[in-house]
Amino acid sequence: MAKLRREQVMIAKEMVARAVPVRRLATQLCVDESTLRYRLQRPPDAPDGRRERGVPSGRRNSTGTPLISRRCIARLRSRRVGSSARVNRR
């Protein structure tokens, strides 16, 4: 799936105003139909809300990267391939 550029959104708005189906536009722009519908409904000056979202724990180290709890590290280690916990013996 491709990312829609600002120019493509402007073209899509013009084509929809000329009664071209959104489904056809989505296939021509190589994007999903739901992506195109979302971008057509979204105001052009709306901020991207993903940047303001914080880390679930909110804790970060001195470099600014999120901290991983010991519980998460233990869970990831137990999911390793070849771990004795994952071997099915019959």
C-alpha atoms as a PDB file:
ATOM      1  CA  MET A   1       0.000   0.000   0.000  1.00  0.00           C
ATOM      2  CA  ALA A   2       1.358   3.389  -0.951  1.00  0.00           C
ATOM      3  CA  LYS A   3       1.253   6.618   1.002  1.00  0.00           C
ATOM      4  CA  LEU A   4      -0.906   9.377  -0.448  1.00  0.00           C
ATOM      5  CA  ARG A   5       0.884  12.616  -1.155  1.00  0.00           C
ATOM      6  CA  ARG A   6      -0.786  16.004  -0.846  1.00  0.00           C
ATOM      7  CA  GLU A   7      -1.052  16.358  -4.643  1.00  0.00           C
ATOM      8  CA  GLN A   8      -2.764  12.978  -4.956  1.00  0.00           C
ATOM      9  CA  VAL A   9      -5.331  13.945  -2.327  1.00  0.00           C
ATOM     10  CA  MET A  10      -6.068  17.181  -4.188  1.00  0.00           C
ATOM     11  CA  ILE A  11      -6.510  15.266  -7.459  1.00  0.00           C
ATOM     12  CA  ALA A  12      -8.751  12.723  -5.727  1.00  0.00           C
ATOM     13  CA  LYS A  13     -10.961  15.501  -4.345  1.00  0.00           C
ATOM     14  CA  GLU A  14     -11.381  16.964  -7.829  1.00  0.00           C
ATOM     15  CA  MET A  15     -12.191  13.567  -9.321  1.00  0.00           C
ATOM     16  CA  VAL A  16     -14.767  12.786  -6.626  1.00  0.00           C
ATOM     17  CA  ALA A  17     -16.363  16.177  -7.307  1.00  0.00           C
ATOM     18  CA  ARG A  18     -16.661  15.035 -10.944  1.00  0.00           C
ATOM     19  CA  ALA A  19     -18.533  11.881  -9.818  1.00  0.00           C
ATOM     20  CA  VAL A  20     -15.678   9.383 -10.295  1.00  0.00           C
ATOM     21  CA  PRO A  21     -16.167   6.438  -7.906  1.00  0.00           C
ATOM     22  CA  VAL A  22     -13.814   6.285  -4.929  1.00  0.00           C
ATOM     23  CA  ARG A  23     -13.187   2.598  -5.577  1.00  0.00           C
ATOM     24  CA  ARG A  24     -11.875   3.343  -9.065  1.00  0.00           C
ATOM     25  CA  LEU A  25      -9.722   6.207  -7.782  1.00  0.00           C
ATOM     26  CA  ALA A  26      -8.231   3.981  -5.098  1.00  0.00           C
ATOM     27  CA  THR A  27      -7.169   1.377  -7.632  1.00  0.00           C
ATOM     28  CA  GLN A  28      -5.675   4.063  -9.890  1.00  0.00           C
ATOM     29  CA  LEU A  29      -3.702   5.577  -7.001  1.00  0.00           C
ATOM     30  CA  CYS A  30      -2.643   2.106  -5.726  1.00  0.00           C
ATOM     31  CA  VAL A  31      -4.085   2.649  -2.247  1.00  0.00           C
ATOM     32  CA  ASP A  32      -6.770   0.970  -0.202  1.00  0.00           C
ATOM     33  CA  GLU A  33     -10.281   2.328  -0.572  1.00  0.00           C
ATOM     34  CA  SER A  34     -10.582   2.990   3.162  1.00  0.00           C
ATOM     35  CA  THR A  35      -7.332   4.997   3.104  1.00  0.00           C
ATOM     36  CA  LEU A  36      -8.651   7.221   0.352  1.00  0.00           C
ATOM     37  CA  ARG A  37     -12.020   7.708   2.061  1.00  0.00           C
ATOM     38  CA  TYR A  38     -10.241   8.651   5.312  1.00  0.00           C
ATOM     39  CA  ARG A  39      -8.010  11.197   3.594  1.00  0.00           C
ATOM     40  CA  LEU A  40     -10.945  12.719   1.698  1.00  0.00           C
ATOM     41  CA  GLN A  41     -12.928  13.241   4.915  1.00  0.00           C
ATOM     42  CA  ARG A  42      -9.978  14.540   6.956  1.00  0.00           C
ATOM     43  CA  PRO A  43      -9.529  18.330   7.026  1.00  0.00           C
ATOM     44  CA  PRO A  44      -6.364  19.427   5.179  1.00  0.00           C
ATOM     45  CA  ASP A  45      -4.992  21.397   8.130  1.00  0.00           C
ATOM     46  CA  ALA A  46      -5.661  18.688  10.752  1.00  0.00           C
ATOM     47  CA  PRO A  47      -2.537  17.825  12.780  1.00  0.00           C
ATOM     48  CA  ASP A  48      -1.198  14.307  12.821  1.00  0.00           C
ATOM     49  CA  GLY A  49      -2.182  12.946  16.234  1.00  0.00           C
ATOM     50  CA  ARG A  50       0.386  10.138  16.304  1.00  0.00           C
ATOM     51  CA  ARG A  51       3.236  12.476  17.268  1.00  0.00           C
ATOM     52  CA  GLU A  52       1.513  13.664  20.457  1.00  0.00           C
ATOM     53  CA  ARG A  53       0.793  10.126  21.658  1.00  0.00           C
ATOM     54  CA  GLY A  54       3.153   9.097  24.378  1.00  0.00           C
ATOM     55  CA  VAL A  55       4.676   5.801  25.301  1.00  0.00           C
ATOM     56  CA  PRO A  56       2.183   3.691  27.299  1.00  0.00           C
ATOM     57  CA  SER A  57       4.389   3.710  30.372  1.00  0.00           C
ATOM     58  CA  GLY A  58       5.547   7.266  29.725  1.00  0.00           C
ATOM     59  CA  ARG A  59       9.026   6.407  30.981  1.00  0.00           C
ATOM     60  CA  ARG A  60      12.065   7.177  28.862  1.00  0.00           C
ATOM     61  CA  ASN A  61      15.795   6.927  29.354  1.00  0.00           C
ATOM     62  CA  SER A  62      18.309   9.769  28.985  1.00  0.00           C
ATOM     63  CA  THR A  63      18.479   9.391  25.182  1.00  0.00           C
ATOM     64  CA  GLY A  64      14.708   9.748  24.848  1.00  0.00           C
ATOM     65  CA  THR A  65      13.956   6.176  23.812  1.00  0.00           C
ATOM     66  CA  PRO A  66      11.222   4.283  25.680  1.00  0.00           C
ATOM     67  CA  LEU A  67      12.259   2.045  28.545  1.00  0.00           C
ATOM     68  CA  ILE A  68      11.406  -1.624  28.345  1.00  0.00           C
ATOM     69  CA  SER A  69      10.363  -3.166  31.614  1.00  0.00           C
ATOM     70  CA  ARG A  70      11.987  -6.303  32.968  1.00  0.00           C
ATOM     71  CA  ARG A  71       8.664  -8.073  32.605  1.00  0.00           C
ATOM     72  CA  CYS A  72       8.623  -7.345  28.863  1.00  0.00           C
ATOM     73  CA  ILE A  73      12.205  -8.546  28.456  1.00  0.00           C
ATOM     74  CA  ALA A  74      11.403 -11.788  30.279  1.00  0.00           C
ATOM     75  CA  ARG A  75       8.354 -12.310  28.076  1.00  0.00           C
ATOM     76  CA  LEU A  76      10.393 -11.743  24.914  1.00  0.00           C
ATOM     77  CA  ARG A  77      13.081 -14.174  26.065  1.00  0.00           C
ATOM     78  CA  SER A  78      10.496 -16.868  26.750  1.00  0.00           C
ATOM     79  CA  ARG A  79       9.154 -16.540  23.192  1.00  0.00           C
ATOM     80  CA  ARG A  80      12.518 -17.252  21.525  1.00  0.00           C
ATOM     81  CA  VAL A  81      12.586 -20.015  18.961  1.00  0.00           C
ATOM     82  CA  GLY A  82      14.221 -23.091  20.396  1.00  0.00           C
ATOM     83  CA  SER A  83      13.326 -22.210  23.944  1.00  0.00           C
ATOM     84  CA  SER A  84      12.628 -25.229  26.139  1.00  0.00           C
ATOM     85  CA  ALA A  85       9.256 -23.730  27.017  1.00  0.00           C
ATOM     86  CA  ARG A  86       8.176 -23.841  23.358  1.00  0.00           C
ATOM     87  CA  VAL A  87       9.290 -27.387  22.498  1.00  0.00           C
ATOM     88  CA  ASN A  88       6.506 -29.926  22.153  1.00  0.00           C
ATOM     89  CA  ARG A  89       7.781 -33.347  23.178  1.00  0.00           C
ATOM     90  CA  ARG A  90       5.747 -36.462  22.553  1.00  0.00           C
END
